[in-house]
Amino acid sequence: MASAAKVSPDTIARLERGETLYPRTVDAIRGALEAAGIIFIQENGEGPGVRLRKTAAE
């Protein structure tokens, strides 16, 4: 994850601990997750969420 987002492993650990990160760092991590097939779902009254993008075979 860290290498895909071009951030340090410590930055990923800080994210996992719930610490505040710079917006550009959050954007880099989100971009890496989206490139790996994660889709972020906007909050619709029931809370935000994530799901995996379907592959062409699905």
PDB file of N, CA and C in Angstrom:
ATOM      1  N   MET A   1       0.826  -1.180   0.000  1.00  0.00           N
ATOM      2  CA  MET A   1       0.000   0.000   0.000  1.00  0.00           C
ATOM      3  C   MET A   1       0.872   1.245   0.000  1.00  0.00           C
ATOM      4  N   ALA A   2       1.844   1.292   0.879  1.00  0.00           N
ATOM      5  CA  ALA A   2       2.692   2.480   0.978  1.00  0.00           C
ATOM      6  C   ALA A   2       3.391   2.769  -0.345  1.00  0.00           C
ATOM      7  N   SER A   3       3.956   1.748  -0.966  1.00  0.00           N
ATOM      8  CA  SER A   3       4.668   1.988  -2.226  1.00  0.00           C
ATOM      9  C   SER A   3       3.708   2.391  -3.334  1.00  0.00           C
ATOM     10  N   ALA A   4       2.524   1.802  -3.380  1.00  0.00           N
ATOM     11  CA  ALA A   4       1.542   2.157  -4.410  1.00  0.00           C
ATOM     12  C   ALA A   4       1.089   3.605  -4.263  1.00  0.00           C
ATOM     13  N   ALA A   5       0.982   4.083  -3.032  1.00  0.00           N
ATOM     14  CA  ALA A   5       0.549   5.460  -2.776  1.00  0.00           C
ATOM     15  C   ALA A   5       1.726   6.432  -2.728  1.00  0.00           C
ATOM     16  N   LYS A   6       2.942   5.878  -2.796  1.00  0.00           N
ATOM     17  CA  LYS A   6       4.160   6.689  -2.707  1.00  0.00           C
ATOM     18  C   LYS A   6       4.220   7.482  -1.393  1.00  0.00           C
ATOM     19  N   VAL A   7       3.893   6.773  -0.314  1.00  0.00           N
ATOM     20  CA  VAL A   7       4.012   7.331   1.034  1.00  0.00           C
ATOM     21  C   VAL A   7       4.817   6.345   1.873  1.00  0.00           C
ATOM     22  N   SER A   8       5.233   6.754   3.036  1.00  0.00           N
ATOM     23  CA  SER A   8       6.024   5.870   3.893  1.00  0.00           C
ATOM     24  C   SER A   8       5.122   4.868   4.616  1.00  0.00           C
ATOM     25  N   PRO A   9       5.693   3.723   4.999  1.00  0.00           N
ATOM     26  CA  PRO A   9       4.921   2.772   5.805  1.00  0.00           C
ATOM     27  C   PRO A   9       4.418   3.398   7.108  1.00  0.00           C
ATOM     28  N   ASP A  10       5.192   4.323   7.675  1.00  0.00           N
ATOM     29  CA  ASP A  10       4.753   5.006   8.895  1.00  0.00           C
ATOM     30  C   ASP A  10       3.488   5.822   8.636  1.00  0.00           C
ATOM     31  N   THR A  11       3.370   6.387   7.449  1.00  0.00           N
ATOM     32  CA  THR A  11       2.165   7.149   7.108  1.00  0.00           C
ATOM     33  C   THR A  11       0.952   6.233   7.086  1.00  0.00           C
ATOM     34  N   ILE A  12       1.105   5.035   6.543  1.00  0.00           N
ATOM     35  CA  ILE A  12      -0.001   4.068   6.539  1.00  0.00           C
ATOM     36  C   ILE A  12      -0.356   3.693   7.976  1.00  0.00           C
ATOM     37  N   ALA A  13       0.650   3.498   8.813  1.00  0.00           N
ATOM     38  CA  ALA A  13       0.399   3.179  10.227  1.00  0.00           C
ATOM     39  C   ALA A  13      -0.344   4.323  10.909  1.00  0.00           C
ATOM     40  N   ARG A  14       0.019   5.566  10.592  1.00  0.00           N
ATOM     41  CA  ARG A  14      -0.685   6.713  11.173  1.00  0.00           C
ATOM     42  C   ARG A  14      -2.141   6.732  10.729  1.00  0.00           C
ATOM     43  N   LEU A  15      -2.388   6.424   9.468  1.00  0.00           N
ATOM     44  CA  LEU A  15      -3.766   6.335   8.965  1.00  0.00           C
ATOM     45  C   LEU A  15      -4.539   5.271   9.737  1.00  0.00           C
ATOM     46  N   GLU A  16      -3.931   4.106   9.919  1.00  0.00           N
ATOM     47  CA  GLU A  16      -4.590   3.003  10.622  1.00  0.00           C
ATOM     48  C   GLU A  16      -4.876   3.342  12.085  1.00  0.00           C
ATOM     49  N   ARG A  17      -4.059   4.205  12.671  1.00  0.00           N
ATOM     50  CA  ARG A  17      -4.290   4.630  14.060  1.00  0.00           C
ATOM     51  C   ARG A  17      -5.316   5.746  14.154  1.00  0.00           C
ATOM     52  N   GLY A  18      -5.764   6.241  13.009  1.00  0.00           N
ATOM     53  CA  GLY A  18      -6.772   7.293  13.002  1.00  0.00           C
ATOM     54  C   GLY A  18      -6.214   8.693  13.163  1.00  0.00           C
ATOM     55  N   GLU A  19      -4.911   8.837  12.959  1.00  0.00           N
ATOM     56  CA  GLU A  19      -4.301  10.154  13.072  1.00  0.00           C
ATOM     57  C   GLU A  19      -4.646  11.002  11.849  1.00  0.00           C
ATOM     58  N   THR A  20      -4.566  12.305  12.007  1.00  0.00           N
ATOM     59  CA  THR A  20      -4.851  13.230  10.919  1.00  0.00           C
ATOM     60  C   THR A  20      -3.686  13.256   9.933  1.00  0.00           C
ATOM     61  N   LEU A  21      -4.014  13.159   8.647  1.00  0.00           N
ATOM     62  CA  LEU A  21      -3.008  13.224   7.586  1.00  0.00           C
ATOM     63  C   LEU A  21      -3.267  14.454   6.727  1.00  0.00           C
ATOM     64  N   TYR A  22      -2.242  14.884   6.017  1.00  0.00           N
ATOM     65  CA  TYR A  22      -2.413  15.986   5.073  1.00  0.00           C
ATOM     66  C   TYR A  22      -3.394  15.570   3.980  1.00  0.00           C
ATOM     67  N   PRO A  23      -4.209  16.494   3.495  1.00  0.00           N
ATOM     68  CA  PRO A  23      -5.163  16.160   2.428  1.00  0.00           C
ATOM     69  C   PRO A  23      -4.500  15.532   1.198  1.00  0.00           C
ATOM     70  N   ARG A  24      -3.322  16.013   0.809  1.00  0.00           N
ATOM     71  CA  ARG A  24      -2.656  15.439  -0.372  1.00  0.00           C
ATOM     72  C   ARG A  24      -2.232  13.992  -0.111  1.00  0.00           C
ATOM     73  N   THR A  25      -1.929  13.668   1.147  1.00  0.00           N
ATOM     74  CA  THR A  25      -1.560  12.298   1.500  1.00  0.00           C
ATOM     75  C   THR A  25      -2.782  11.395   1.429  1.00  0.00           C
ATOM     76  N   VAL A  26      -3.903  11.872   1.941  1.00  0.00           N
ATOM     77  CA  VAL A  26      -5.157  11.114   1.859  1.00  0.00           C
ATOM     78  C   VAL A  26      -5.523  10.882   0.397  1.00  0.00           C
ATOM     79  N   ASP A  27      -5.353  11.907  -0.436  1.00  0.00           N
ATOM     80  CA  ASP A  27      -5.649  11.772  -1.866  1.00  0.00           C
ATOM     81  C   ASP A  27      -4.762  10.718  -2.522  1.00  0.00           C
ATOM     82  N   ALA A  28      -3.485  10.678  -2.152  1.00  0.00           N
ATOM     83  CA  ALA A  28      -2.561   9.693  -2.713  1.00  0.00           C
ATOM     84  C   ALA A  28      -2.964   8.278  -2.317  1.00  0.00           C
ATOM     85  N   ILE A  29      -3.344   8.090  -1.067  1.00  0.00           N
ATOM     86  CA  ILE A  29      -3.763   6.766  -0.593  1.00  0.00           C
ATOM     87  C   ILE A  29      -5.069   6.360  -1.263  1.00  0.00           C
ATOM     88  N   ARG A  30      -6.006   7.285  -1.345  1.00  0.00           N
ATOM     89  CA  ARG A  30      -7.276   6.992  -2.016  1.00  0.00           C
ATOM     90  C   ARG A  30      -7.037   6.624  -3.483  1.00  0.00           C
ATOM     91  N   GLY A  31      -6.166   7.352  -4.149  1.00  0.00           N
ATOM     92  CA  GLY A  31      -5.849   7.053  -5.543  1.00  0.00           C
ATOM     93  C   GLY A  31      -5.271   5.657  -5.711  1.00  0.00           C
ATOM     94  N   ALA A  32      -4.405   5.252  -4.794  1.00  0.00           N
ATOM     95  CA  ALA A  32      -3.820   3.913  -4.855  1.00  0.00           C
ATOM     96  C   ALA A  32      -4.891   2.846  -4.634  1.00  0.00           C
ATOM     97  N   LEU A  33      -5.797   3.086  -3.705  1.00  0.00           N
ATOM     98  CA  LEU A  33      -6.883   2.133  -3.459  1.00  0.00           C
ATOM     99  C   LEU A  33      -7.816   2.043  -4.667  1.00  0.00           C
ATOM    100  N   GLU A  34      -8.141   3.182  -5.270  1.00  0.00           N
ATOM    101  CA  GLU A  34      -9.007   3.177  -6.449  1.00  0.00           C
ATOM    102  C   GLU A  34      -8.328   2.465  -7.615  1.00  0.00           C
ATOM    103  N   ALA A  35      -7.022   2.653  -7.775  1.00  0.00           N
ATOM    104  CA  ALA A  35      -6.282   1.965  -8.830  1.00  0.00           C
ATOM    105  C   ALA A  35      -6.280   0.455  -8.614  1.00  0.00           C
ATOM    106  N   ALA A  36      -6.417   0.032  -7.357  1.00  0.00           N
ATOM    107  CA  ALA A  36      -6.452  -1.392  -7.022  1.00  0.00           C
ATOM    108  C   ALA A  36      -7.861  -1.979  -7.105  1.00  0.00           C
ATOM    109  N   GLY A  37      -8.849  -1.152  -7.487  1.00  0.00           N
ATOM    110  CA  GLY A  37     -10.198  -1.671  -7.669  1.00  0.00           C
ATOM    111  C   GLY A  37     -11.192  -1.351  -6.576  1.00  0.00           C
ATOM    112  N   ILE A  38     -10.840  -0.481  -5.667  1.00  0.00           N
ATOM    113  CA  ILE A  38     -11.762  -0.089  -4.601  1.00  0.00           C
ATOM    114  C   ILE A  38     -12.620   1.074  -5.085  1.00  0.00           C
ATOM    115  N   ILE A  39     -13.915   1.000  -4.854  1.00  0.00           N
ATOM    116  CA  ILE A  39     -14.842   2.081  -5.185  1.00  0.00           C
ATOM    117  C   ILE A  39     -15.353   2.654  -3.876  1.00  0.00           C
ATOM    118  N   PHE A  40     -15.240   3.962  -3.716  1.00  0.00           N
ATOM    119  CA  PHE A  40     -15.737   4.630  -2.522  1.00  0.00           C
ATOM    120  C   PHE A  40     -17.178   5.057  -2.765  1.00  0.00           C
ATOM    121  N   ILE A  41     -18.059   4.725  -1.834  1.00  0.00           N
ATOM    122  CA  ILE A  41     -19.483   5.024  -1.941  1.00  0.00           C
ATOM    123  C   ILE A  41     -19.784   6.210  -1.030  1.00  0.00           C
ATOM    124  N   GLN A  42     -20.427   7.214  -1.600  1.00  0.00           N
ATOM    125  CA  GLN A  42     -20.777   8.405  -0.827  1.00  0.00           C
ATOM    126  C   GLN A  42     -21.831   8.077   0.229  1.00  0.00           C
ATOM    127  N   GLU A  43     -21.834   8.856   1.280  1.00  0.00           N
ATOM    128  CA  GLU A  43     -22.824   8.682   2.336  1.00  0.00           C
ATOM    129  C   GLU A  43     -24.212   8.978   1.786  1.00  0.00           C
ATOM    130  N   ASN A  44     -25.159   8.103   2.086  1.00  0.00           N
ATOM    131  CA  ASN A  44     -26.532   8.281   1.594  1.00  0.00           C
ATOM    132  C   ASN A  44     -27.540   8.215   2.734  1.00  0.00           C
ATOM    133  N   GLY A  45     -27.132   8.633   3.895  1.00  0.00           N
ATOM    134  CA  GLY A  45     -28.012   8.554   5.049  1.00  0.00           C
ATOM    135  C   GLY A  45     -27.739   7.334   5.904  1.00  0.00           C
ATOM    136  N   GLU A  46     -27.068   6.334   5.324  1.00  0.00           N
ATOM    137  CA  GLU A  46     -26.723   5.126   6.072  1.00  0.00           C
ATOM    138  C   GLU A  46     -25.228   5.031   6.326  1.00  0.00           C
ATOM    139  N   GLY A  47     -24.492   6.038   5.920  1.00  0.00           N
ATOM    140  CA  GLY A  47     -23.050   6.042   6.122  1.00  0.00           C
ATOM    141  C   GLY A  47     -22.296   5.729   4.847  1.00  0.00           C
ATOM    142  N   PRO A  48     -21.049   6.173   4.772  1.00  0.00           N
ATOM    143  CA  PRO A  48     -20.224   5.910   3.597  1.00  0.00           C
ATOM    144  C   PRO A  48     -19.785   4.457   3.572  1.00  0.00           C
ATOM    145  N   GLY A  49     -19.251   4.017   2.444  1.00  0.00           N
ATOM    146  CA  GLY A  49     -18.796   2.640   2.341  1.00  0.00           C
ATOM    147  C   GLY A  49     -17.824   2.451   1.197  1.00  0.00           C
ATOM    148  N   VAL A  50     -17.389   1.217   1.024  1.00  0.00           N
ATOM    149  CA  VAL A  50     -16.508   0.847  -0.082  1.00  0.00           C
ATOM    150  C   VAL A  50     -16.981  -0.472  -0.665  1.00  0.00           C
ATOM    151  N   ARG A  51     -16.603  -0.708  -1.914  1.00  0.00           N
ATOM    152  CA  ARG A  51     -16.858  -2.008  -2.526  1.00  0.00           C
ATOM    153  C   ARG A  51     -15.765  -2.260  -3.550  1.00  0.00           C
ATOM    154  N   LEU A  52     -15.650  -3.500  -3.973  1.00  0.00           N
ATOM    155  CA  LEU A  52     -14.672  -3.865  -4.990  1.00  0.00           C
ATOM    156  C   LEU A  52     -15.290  -3.716  -6.367  1.00  0.00           C
ATOM    157  N   ARG A  53     -14.525  -3.167  -7.293  1.00  0.00           N
ATOM    158  CA  ARG A  53     -14.984  -3.045  -8.675  1.00  0.00           C
ATOM    159  C   ARG A  53     -15.049  -4.442  -9.286  1.00  0.00           C
ATOM    160  N   LYS A  54     -16.083  -4.692 -10.064  1.00  0.00           N
ATOM    161  CA  LYS A  54     -16.213  -5.976 -10.744  1.00  0.00           C
ATOM    162  C   LYS A  54     -15.184  -6.065 -11.859  1.00  0.00           C
ATOM    163  N   THR A  55     -14.692  -7.269 -12.072  1.00  0.00           N
ATOM    164  CA  THR A  55     -13.769  -7.490 -13.182  1.00  0.00           C
ATOM    165  C   THR A  55     -14.573  -7.788 -14.440  1.00  0.00           C
ATOM    166  N   ALA A  56     -13.927  -7.786 -15.579  1.00  0.00           N
ATOM    167  CA  ALA A  56     -14.606  -8.050 -16.848  1.00  0.00           C
ATOM    168  C   ALA A  56     -15.242  -9.440 -16.859  1.00  0.00           C
ATOM    169  N   ALA A  57     -14.653 -10.397 -16.135  1.00  0.00           N
ATOM    170  CA  ALA A  57     -15.175 -11.765 -16.090  1.00  0.00           C
ATOM    171  C   ALA A  57     -16.444 -11.876 -15.259  1.00  0.00           C
ATOM    172  N   GLU A  58     -16.706 -10.891 -14.425  1.00  0.00           N
ATOM    173  CA  GLU A  58     -17.884 -10.954 -13.561  1.00  0.00           C
ATOM    174  C   GLU A  58     -19.022 -10.352 -14.301  1.00  0.00           C
TER     175      GLU A  58
END
